[in-house]
Protein backbone atom coordinates (compact mmCIF):
# COMPACT_ATOMS: atom_id res chain seq x y z
CA MET A 1 -3.60 8.95 -12.04
CA ALA A 2 -2.88 7.42 -15.46
CA HIS A 3 -0.58 4.80 -16.00
CA SER A 4 1.48 4.22 -19.47
CA ASP A 5 1.78 0.43 -18.66
CA THR A 6 -0.98 -2.36 -18.47
CA ILE A 7 -0.88 -5.07 -15.84
CA PHE A 8 -1.98 -8.72 -15.78
CA ALA A 9 -2.22 -11.32 -13.20
CA LEU A 10 -4.34 -14.64 -12.13
CA ALA A 11 -6.76 -13.20 -10.18
CA SER A 12 -8.57 -16.16 -9.04
CA GLY A 13 -7.53 -19.14 -6.44
CA ALA A 14 -4.68 -21.29 -6.68
CA LEU A 15 -4.43 -23.93 -9.60
CA PRO A 16 -5.60 -26.23 -10.81
CA SER A 17 -9.26 -24.99 -10.54
CA GLY A 18 -12.29 -25.55 -12.39
CA VAL A 19 -12.18 -21.85 -13.64
CA ALA A 20 -9.25 -19.28 -13.51
CA VAL A 21 -9.83 -15.55 -14.14
CA ILE A 22 -7.26 -13.40 -15.57
CA ARG A 23 -7.41 -9.86 -14.96
CA ILE A 24 -5.62 -7.28 -17.18
CA SER A 25 -6.09 -3.37 -16.69
CA GLY A 26 -4.25 -0.36 -18.25
CA PRO A 27 -4.12 1.46 -21.59
CA HIS A 28 -3.54 -1.85 -23.45
CA ALA A 29 -6.13 -4.07 -22.05
CA ALA A 30 -8.32 -3.78 -25.16
CA ALA A 31 -5.66 -4.31 -27.28
CA ALA A 32 -4.28 -7.35 -25.60
CA ALA A 33 -7.82 -8.96 -25.71
CA VAL A 34 -7.83 -8.37 -29.79
CA ALA A 35 -4.45 -9.72 -29.93
CA LEU A 36 -5.87 -12.84 -28.27
CA GLY A 37 -8.42 -13.24 -30.51
CA ALA A 38 -11.26 -11.33 -28.49
CA GLU A 39 -12.60 -8.77 -30.75
CA ASP A 40 -15.42 -6.55 -30.68
CA LEU A 41 -16.36 -6.90 -27.04
CA ALA A 42 -19.65 -5.59 -25.47
CA PRO A 43 -19.09 -3.70 -22.44
CA ARG A 44 -19.82 -5.65 -19.39
CA GLN A 45 -21.22 -8.53 -21.09
CA ALA A 46 -19.59 -12.31 -21.34
CA SER A 47 -18.50 -13.31 -24.63
CA LEU A 48 -17.72 -16.80 -25.44
CA ARG A 49 -14.19 -16.65 -27.29
CA GLN A 50 -11.59 -18.59 -28.77
CA LEU A 51 -8.21 -17.54 -27.59
CA HIS A 52 -5.04 -17.59 -29.90
CA ASP A 53 -1.28 -16.97 -29.89
CA PRO A 54 -0.75 -14.00 -31.73
CA ALA A 55 2.59 -15.32 -32.92
CA ASP A 56 1.31 -18.44 -34.70
CA SER A 57 -2.59 -18.42 -34.42
CA SER A 58 -2.37 -21.36 -32.41
CA ALA A 59 -5.43 -22.20 -29.98
CA LEU A 60 -4.81 -21.43 -26.34
CA ASP A 61 -8.08 -21.94 -24.85
CA GLU A 62 -11.86 -21.17 -24.91
CA GLY A 63 -13.25 -19.03 -22.39
CA LEU A 64 -15.32 -16.19 -21.69
CA VAL A 65 -14.22 -12.78 -22.00
CA LEU A 66 -15.49 -9.50 -20.25
CA SER A 67 -14.46 -5.68 -20.96
CA PHE A 68 -15.20 -3.09 -18.52
CA PRO A 69 -13.89 0.42 -20.38
CA GLY A 70 -12.70 2.80 -17.80
CA PRO A 71 -13.59 4.62 -15.40
CA HIS A 72 -16.49 2.40 -14.61
CA SER A 73 -14.31 -0.63 -13.47
CA PHE A 74 -12.61 -1.96 -10.56
CA THR A 75 -9.28 0.16 -11.22
CA GLY A 76 -10.89 3.10 -12.76
CA GLU A 77 -9.12 2.06 -15.99
CA ASP A 78 -9.80 -0.29 -19.02
CA VAL A 79 -10.25 -3.76 -17.63
CA VAL A 80 -10.77 -7.05 -19.23
CA GLU A 81 -11.22 -10.15 -17.81
CA LEU A 82 -10.80 -13.76 -19.08
CA GLN A 83 -12.42 -16.76 -17.61
CA VAL A 84 -10.65 -20.00 -18.60
CA HIS A 85 -9.99 -23.28 -17.81
CA GLY A 86 -8.00 -23.42 -14.68
CA GLY A 87 -5.25 -25.92 -15.50
CA ARG A 88 -1.68 -24.86 -14.73
CA ALA A 89 -0.34 -25.25 -18.39
CA SER A 90 -3.38 -23.50 -20.03
CA VAL A 91 -3.19 -20.63 -17.35
CA GLN A 92 0.70 -20.09 -18.02
CA ALA A 93 0.43 -20.29 -21.75
CA ILE A 94 -1.99 -17.35 -21.64
CA LEU A 95 0.15 -15.48 -19.08
CA ASP A 96 3.15 -16.07 -21.21
CA VAL A 97 1.69 -14.64 -24.43
CA LEU A 98 0.34 -11.39 -22.54
CA GLY A 99 3.99 -10.71 -21.25
CA SER A 100 5.23 -11.14 -24.55
CA GLN A 101 3.04 -8.19 -25.85
CA ASN A 102 4.58 -4.40 -25.90
CA GLY A 103 3.16 -2.78 -22.92
CA LEU A 104 1.98 -5.46 -20.71
CA ARG A 105 3.85 -6.63 -17.65
CA PRO A 106 2.88 -8.90 -14.50
CA ALA A 107 1.02 -7.04 -11.88
CA GLU A 108 2.72 -6.69 -8.25
CA ALA A 109 1.18 -7.61 -4.99
CA GLY A 110 -2.04 -5.31 -4.65
CA GLU A 111 -1.45 -3.19 -7.92
CA PHE A 112 -4.95 -3.55 -8.96
CA SER A 113 -5.98 -2.05 -5.64
CA ARG A 114 -3.48 0.55 -5.98
CA ARG A 115 -4.84 1.73 -8.92
CA ALA A 116 -8.13 1.77 -7.74
CA PHE A 117 -7.20 3.91 -4.73
CA GLU A 118 -5.18 6.01 -7.21
CA ASN A 119 -7.93 6.68 -9.43
CA GLY A 120 -10.31 7.69 -6.80
CA ARG A 121 -12.51 4.36 -7.13
CA MET A 122 -11.94 3.29 -3.04
CA ASP A 123 -10.47 5.18 -0.35
CA LEU A 124 -7.60 3.35 2.24
CA THR A 125 -10.36 1.95 4.71
CA GLU A 126 -12.63 0.56 2.02
CA LEU A 127 -9.39 -0.94 0.62
CA GLU A 128 -8.15 -2.26 3.67
CA GLY A 129 -11.65 -3.90 4.45
CA LEU A 130 -11.41 -5.55 0.75
CA ALA A 131 -7.96 -6.94 1.72
CA ASP A 132 -9.52 -8.26 5.15
CA LEU A 133 -12.59 -9.79 3.36
CA VAL A 134 -10.25 -11.54 0.99
CA GLU A 135 -8.31 -13.09 4.15
CA ALA A 136 -11.49 -13.69 6.39
CA GLU A 137 -11.87 -17.49 7.89
CA THR A 138 -14.37 -16.64 10.29
CA GLU A 139 -18.57 -14.92 10.15
CA GLU A 140 -17.51 -12.16 12.24
CA GLN A 141 -14.24 -11.45 10.41
CA ARG A 142 -16.37 -11.47 7.12
CA LYS A 143 -19.20 -9.27 8.39
CA LEU A 144 -16.74 -6.57 9.95
CA ALA A 145 -14.69 -6.71 6.81
CA PHE A 146 -17.42 -6.47 4.38
CA ALA A 147 -18.84 -3.44 6.16
CA GLN A 148 -15.43 -1.56 5.84
CA SER A 149 -14.87 -2.47 2.25
CA ARG A 150 -18.60 -0.77 1.55
CA GLY A 151 -17.29 2.56 3.37
CA ALA A 152 -19.01 2.34 6.69
CA LEU A 153 -15.62 3.82 8.45
CA ARG A 154 -15.04 5.99 5.41
CA GLU A 155 -18.59 7.93 6.09
CA ILE A 156 -17.74 8.57 9.52
CA TYR A 157 -14.24 9.87 8.97
CA VAL A 158 -15.59 11.92 6.03
CA GLY A 159 -18.18 13.26 8.32
CA TRP A 160 -15.91 14.20 10.88
CA ARG A 161 -13.51 15.62 8.44
CA ASN A 162 -16.38 17.91 7.20
CA ASP A 163 -17.23 19.10 10.58
CA LEU A 164 -13.41 20.01 11.20
CA ILE A 165 -13.85 22.04 7.88
CA ALA A 166 -16.52 23.93 9.00
CA MET A 167 -15.24 24.80 12.40
CA ARG A 168 -12.07 26.01 10.59
CA ALA A 169 -14.33 28.23 8.49
CA MET A 170 -16.18 29.59 11.38
CA ILE A 171 -12.65 30.60 12.78
CA GLU A 172 -11.49 32.04 9.60
CA ALA A 173 -14.65 34.12 9.32
CA ASP A 174 -14.12 35.35 12.92
CA LEU A 175 -10.64 36.50 12.54
CA ASP A 176 -10.95 38.04 9.00
CA PHE A 177 -14.47 39.55 9.01
CA THR A 178 -15.18 41.01 12.45
CA ASP A 179 -16.04 44.15 10.89
CA GLU A 180 -18.52 43.11 8.61
CA GLU A 181 -22.24 43.57 9.48
CA ASP A 182 -23.37 40.03 8.23
CA VAL A 183 -20.82 38.15 10.45
CA PRO A 184 -22.13 37.50 13.96
CA ASP A 185 -19.79 38.72 16.74
CA SER A 186 -17.52 36.00 18.23
CA VAL A 187 -18.83 33.09 16.02
CA ALA A 188 -15.96 31.19 16.54
CA ALA A 189 -17.26 30.72 20.39
CA ALA A 190 -19.35 28.39 19.09
CA VAL A 191 -16.49 26.51 18.00
CA PHE A 192 -15.30 25.44 21.30
CA ASP A 193 -18.95 23.47 21.86
CA ARG A 194 -18.26 21.75 18.53
CA VAL A 195 -14.97 20.58 19.09
CA VAL A 196 -15.74 19.18 22.54
CA GLU A 197 -18.54 17.29 20.86
CA LEU A 198 -16.27 15.96 18.05
CA ARG A 199 -13.42 14.79 20.71
CA GLY A 200 -16.59 12.85 22.40
CA LYS A 201 -17.48 11.13 19.18
CA ILE A 202 -13.87 10.22 18.21
CA ALA A 203 -13.11 8.96 22.10
CA ALA A 204 -16.41 6.86 22.04
CA GLN A 205 -15.05 4.91 18.85
CA LEU A 206 -11.83 4.24 20.80
CA ASP A 207 -13.75 3.04 23.78
CA ASP A 208 -14.25 -0.24 22.16
CA GLN A 209 -11.85 -2.74 24.23
CA ARG A 210 -10.27 -3.36 20.77
CA TYR A 211 -13.13 -5.63 19.57
CA GLY A 212 -12.51 -4.81 15.84
CA GLU A 213 -8.84 -5.61 16.17
CA ILE A 214 -9.57 -8.79 18.17
CA ILE A 215 -12.07 -9.97 15.52
CA ARG A 216 -9.67 -9.18 12.56
CA ASP A 217 -6.52 -10.58 14.68
CA GLY A 218 -8.18 -13.24 16.73
CA PHE A 219 -9.02 -13.58 20.44
CA ARG A 220 -5.83 -14.98 22.14
CA VAL A 221 -6.45 -17.31 24.84
CA ALA A 222 -3.37 -18.44 26.68
CA LEU A 223 -3.13 -21.83 28.88
CA VAL A 224 -0.66 -21.47 31.79
CA GLY A 225 0.06 -23.20 35.06
CA PRO A 226 2.36 -25.51 36.25
CA PRO A 227 3.82 -28.66 34.97
CA ASN A 228 1.37 -31.66 34.31
CA ALA A 229 -1.62 -29.51 34.84
CA GLY A 230 -3.32 -30.70 31.66
CA LYS A 231 -2.62 -27.83 29.63
CA SER A 232 -1.75 -29.89 26.63
CA THR A 233 -4.61 -32.20 27.31
CA LEU A 234 -6.91 -29.28 27.25
CA LEU A 235 -5.36 -27.85 24.05
CA ASN A 236 -6.07 -31.18 22.07
CA ASN A 237 -9.55 -31.37 23.51
CA LEU A 238 -10.29 -27.88 22.20
CA ALA A 239 -8.89 -28.65 18.93
CA GLY A 240 -10.26 -31.93 18.33
CA ARG A 241 -6.95 -33.29 17.42
CA ASP A 242 -3.54 -33.89 18.72
CA VAL A 243 -1.84 -30.53 18.65
CA ALA A 244 0.51 -30.92 21.43
CA ILE A 245 2.33 -33.83 22.97
CA VAL A 246 1.00 -34.95 26.06
CA SER A 247 3.05 -36.79 28.54
CA ASP A 248 3.22 -37.41 32.28
CA VAL A 249 6.77 -36.40 32.21
CA ALA A 250 7.15 -32.69 33.49
CA GLY A 251 8.27 -30.12 31.25
CA THR A 252 7.53 -31.70 28.08
CA THR A 253 6.12 -28.51 26.21
CA ARG A 254 9.16 -26.28 26.03
CA ASP A 255 7.67 -23.87 23.28
CA LEU A 256 4.48 -22.24 22.44
CA VAL A 257 2.01 -24.64 20.73
CA GLU A 258 -1.15 -22.63 18.97
CA ALA A 259 -4.40 -23.81 17.51
CA VAL A 260 -6.88 -21.62 15.76
CA LEU A 261 -10.45 -22.30 16.54
CA ASP A 262 -13.89 -20.75 15.07
CA ILE A 263 -15.86 -20.01 18.24
CA ALA A 264 -19.09 -17.98 17.87
CA GLY A 265 -17.70 -16.76 14.41
CA HIS A 266 -14.66 -15.48 16.07
CA LYS A 267 -10.96 -16.49 14.99
CA VAL A 268 -9.73 -17.80 18.78
CA ILE A 269 -6.11 -18.57 19.05
CA VAL A 270 -5.35 -20.98 22.05
CA THR A 271 -1.43 -21.10 23.06
CA ASP A 272 -0.18 -24.07 25.19
CA THR A 273 2.41 -22.87 26.86
CA ALA A 274 5.48 -24.32 29.03
CA GLY A 275 4.73 -25.29 32.71
CA GLN A 276 5.62 -22.96 35.31
CA ARG A 277 8.29 -23.90 37.68
CA ASP A 278 11.99 -23.22 38.67
CA THR A 279 14.17 -25.05 36.63
CA ALA A 280 18.27 -24.87 35.62
CA ASP A 281 17.50 -26.10 32.34
CA PRO A 282 18.28 -23.25 29.85
CA ILE A 283 15.85 -24.57 27.14
CA GLU A 284 13.06 -24.81 29.91
CA ARG A 285 13.72 -21.15 30.99
CA GLU A 286 13.39 -19.83 27.45
CA GLY A 287 9.89 -21.69 27.38
CA ILE A 288 8.57 -20.23 30.89
CA ARG A 289 9.78 -16.78 29.27
CA ARG A 290 8.10 -17.39 26.22
CA ALA A 291 4.99 -18.58 28.32
CA GLN A 292 5.11 -15.26 30.16
CA MET A 293 5.33 -13.07 27.00
CA ALA A 294 2.08 -15.18 25.81
CA ALA A 295 0.54 -14.68 28.79
CA GLU A 296 0.82 -10.88 28.61
CA ASP A 297 -0.46 -10.44 25.21
CA ALA A 298 -3.28 -12.63 25.84
CA ASP A 299 -6.93 -11.39 26.29
CA LEU A 300 -7.94 -14.39 28.38
CA ILE A 301 -5.81 -16.42 30.58
CA LEU A 302 -6.92 -20.02 31.79
CA ARG A 303 -4.85 -20.85 34.67
CA LEU A 304 -4.83 -24.70 35.31
CA GLY A 305 -3.24 -26.14 38.50
CA ARG A 306 -4.47 -28.09 41.62
CA ASP A 307 -4.42 -24.94 43.93
CA ALA A 308 -5.91 -21.71 43.04
CA PRO A 309 -3.65 -18.22 43.00
CA ASP A 310 -4.09 -15.84 45.55
CA THR A 311 -5.16 -13.20 43.43
CA LEU A 312 -6.04 -13.27 39.82
CA SER A 313 -6.16 -10.23 37.12
CA GLY A 314 -9.15 -9.28 35.08
CA THR A 315 -8.30 -11.19 32.18
CA GLU A 316 -7.43 -14.41 34.08
CA ILE A 317 -9.57 -17.49 34.94
CA PHE A 318 -8.76 -20.43 37.32
CA LEU A 319 -9.98 -23.60 36.02
CA GLY A 320 -8.46 -26.39 38.29
CA SER A 321 -6.48 -29.16 36.41
CA PHE A 322 -7.84 -30.93 33.28
CA GLY A 323 -6.58 -34.26 32.06
CA ASP A 324 -7.77 -37.66 31.47
CA GLU A 325 -8.78 -39.62 34.48
CA THR A 326 -6.76 -42.58 33.24
CA GLY A 327 -3.52 -40.61 32.53
CA THR A 328 -2.48 -37.95 34.52
CA GLY A 329 -4.98 -38.85 37.16
CA TYR A 330 -6.32 -35.29 37.51
CA ASP A 331 -10.26 -35.09 38.01
CA MET A 332 -11.93 -33.62 35.02
CA ARG A 333 -14.98 -32.79 37.27
CA SER A 334 -12.92 -29.76 38.57
CA LEU A 335 -12.83 -28.22 35.25
CA GLY A 336 -15.92 -29.50 33.13
CA THR A 337 -15.69 -30.69 29.41
CA ALA A 338 -13.96 -28.89 26.75
CA ASP A 339 -17.51 -27.89 25.74
CA ALA A 340 -17.92 -25.65 28.91
CA ILE A 341 -14.64 -24.00 28.33
CA ILE A 342 -15.73 -23.02 24.55
CA ASP A 343 -19.14 -21.53 26.28
CA LEU A 344 -16.88 -19.85 28.90
CA ILE A 345 -14.89 -18.29 25.86
CA SER A 346 -17.97 -17.29 23.72
CA THR A 347 -19.26 -15.89 26.90
CA ARG A 348 -16.07 -13.45 27.32
CA LEU A 349 -16.43 -12.51 23.63
CA ASN A 350 -20.05 -11.72 23.92
CA GLU A 351 -19.22 -9.21 26.80
CA LEU A 352 -16.75 -7.45 24.15
CA LYS A 353 -19.25 -7.54 21.27
CA ARG A 354 -20.63 -4.13 19.83
CA SER A 355 -22.58 -3.51 16.88
CA GLU A 356 -22.59 0.16 16.71
CA PRO A 357 -20.34 2.52 15.56
CA PRO A 358 -18.77 0.39 12.88
CA LEU A 359 -15.54 -0.80 14.41
CA MET A 360 -11.91 -0.07 13.73
CA SER A 361 -9.58 -3.45 12.82
CA ARG A 362 -6.15 -1.96 12.66
CA VAL A 363 -3.90 -0.29 14.71
CA ARG A 364 -2.96 2.47 12.32
CA HIS A 365 -6.63 3.90 12.85
CA ARG A 366 -6.23 3.66 16.73
CA ARG A 367 -3.15 5.52 16.63
CA LEU A 368 -4.12 8.29 14.38
CA LEU A 369 -7.38 8.61 16.33
CA GLU A 370 -5.74 8.81 19.50
CA SER A 371 -3.50 11.48 18.13
CA ALA A 372 -6.65 13.39 17.06
CA VAL A 373 -8.18 13.24 20.47
CA GLU A 374 -5.30 14.50 22.13
CA ASP A 375 -5.11 17.57 19.41
CA LEU A 376 -8.76 18.27 20.41
CA GLY A 377 -8.24 18.68 23.84
CA GLN A 378 -5.54 21.11 22.99
CA ALA A 379 -7.91 22.88 20.81
CA SER A 380 -10.84 22.92 23.61
CA ASP A 381 -9.01 25.37 25.66
CA ARG A 382 -11.39 28.39 25.40
CA GLY A 383 -8.34 30.72 26.70
CA LYS A 384 -6.22 29.84 23.51
CA PRO A 385 -5.85 32.14 20.67
CA LEU A 386 -8.06 31.45 17.73
CA GLU A 387 -4.87 31.03 15.40
CA LEU A 388 -3.38 28.37 17.53
CA VAL A 389 -6.86 26.48 17.84
CA ALA A 390 -7.15 26.66 13.97
CA ASP A 391 -3.41 24.87 13.90
CA ASP A 392 -4.87 22.30 16.25
CA LEU A 393 -7.86 21.54 13.75
CA ARG A 394 -5.73 21.53 11.04
CA SER A 395 -3.39 18.97 12.30
CA VAL A 396 -6.65 16.92 13.26
CA SER A 397 -8.06 17.42 9.84
CA GLU A 398 -4.53 15.98 8.42
CA ARG A 399 -4.70 12.88 10.56
CA LEU A 400 -8.21 12.09 9.19
CA GLY A 401 -6.77 12.49 5.75
CA ARG A 402 -4.26 9.74 6.64
CA LEU A 403 -6.95 7.52 7.41
CA SER A 404 -8.90 7.65 4.40
CA GLY A 405 -5.71 8.09 2.29
CA THR A 406 -6.56 11.76 1.02
CA ILE A 407 -2.84 12.42 2.75
CA ALA A 408 -0.55 9.46 2.25
CA THR A 409 2.97 8.72 1.96
CA ASP A 410 4.64 6.27 -0.45
CA ASP A 411 5.85 4.43 2.51
CA LEU A 412 2.35 3.94 3.94
CA LEU A 413 0.82 2.93 0.83
CA ASP A 414 3.48 0.34 -0.14
CA ALA A 415 3.03 -1.21 3.44
CA ILE A 416 -0.68 -1.46 2.93
CA PHE A 417 -0.83 -2.61 -0.58
CA SER A 418 1.95 -5.24 0.17
CA GLU A 419 -0.84 -7.17 2.11
CA PHE A 420 -2.67 -7.71 -0.79
CA CYS A 421 -2.24 -10.90 -3.00
CA ILE A 422 -0.81 -10.65 -6.85
CA GLY A 423 -4.24 -10.57 -8.44
CA LYS A 424 -5.99 -8.11 -6.11
């Protein structure tokens, strides 16, 4: 898709910084560089240039200028990148000059990436991976996002879609050319076996215990139990700092208090909650309600208290009480050290861990694939007319197209690219 306007933005991190990268993309990118004084740029080679304000020839800065003629660029358009000093005033002066030129305007959030998608440089799964790579905080997040940005999911989804195209072609051949000698009788009968096989592949992709989503969004641990069980003390010990207020006064914690940890390369969100008890205090009751919601959303519940409950769910572990022996008076030996809790969480994460196939990390993918499995279940009915089977397969193909972006609405694209920063 050709754009008539040219966009620009700071593509590097927050200022001030040692170096700032300003990205320019669109049909006027080369002209913008010339206006700044960067002429005769060799493609994909860094050139040291003095940058000037074209209005009065005053010096702006000195830096490296790189030219990436389209379509061999990130966006598929002509792109120029300026590597200049990262002072706020220096960068702003250059941005002001660019904004004063005809045909240039500041980029919106994710607009460079959206142009890369529209020009066929990357599909949606790769771009989602790229967005996650920029936001990655832990090693597992980095590895998952990098694999997706390099097309790990795209290859799987394209392969499935190609299978669907082949199946639909077989059905069309059976319907339209049954009298032709070179078309085997009932060739579409073989389609049903392939439908069952594809349904199994997609179901296997979904049977991942949401591990990809846990890597991306974080593994949630809720600390629950009665007042003064040592939940806040445990949170502070895990975080290695004073996150929550610790007091021997029951009901101190009213709201949810969170600490984000990096455990075994995973983002782990530990939540301290209000103590569970009967109370007439409306604020404390609201805190208890929120505690119950946090427990329902948790991937792991660490239940603290003097007495073990009669039953525990599969996501719960009873730890006993935690505290400091001179403060609350609870016996830490019933629980062990905070290091033991970290080891426990790490073990639970390892139980979820999977390496193959490449993992989904977004709810959008899961919902589309769940619908695809349902449609394939309908299509696998061997007594179903082939015309209706073809419709089911067409529906599955459309869902896979929405995954990659070959079929996409503006609302979906707006939602996805709004997650990107301005310079990406």
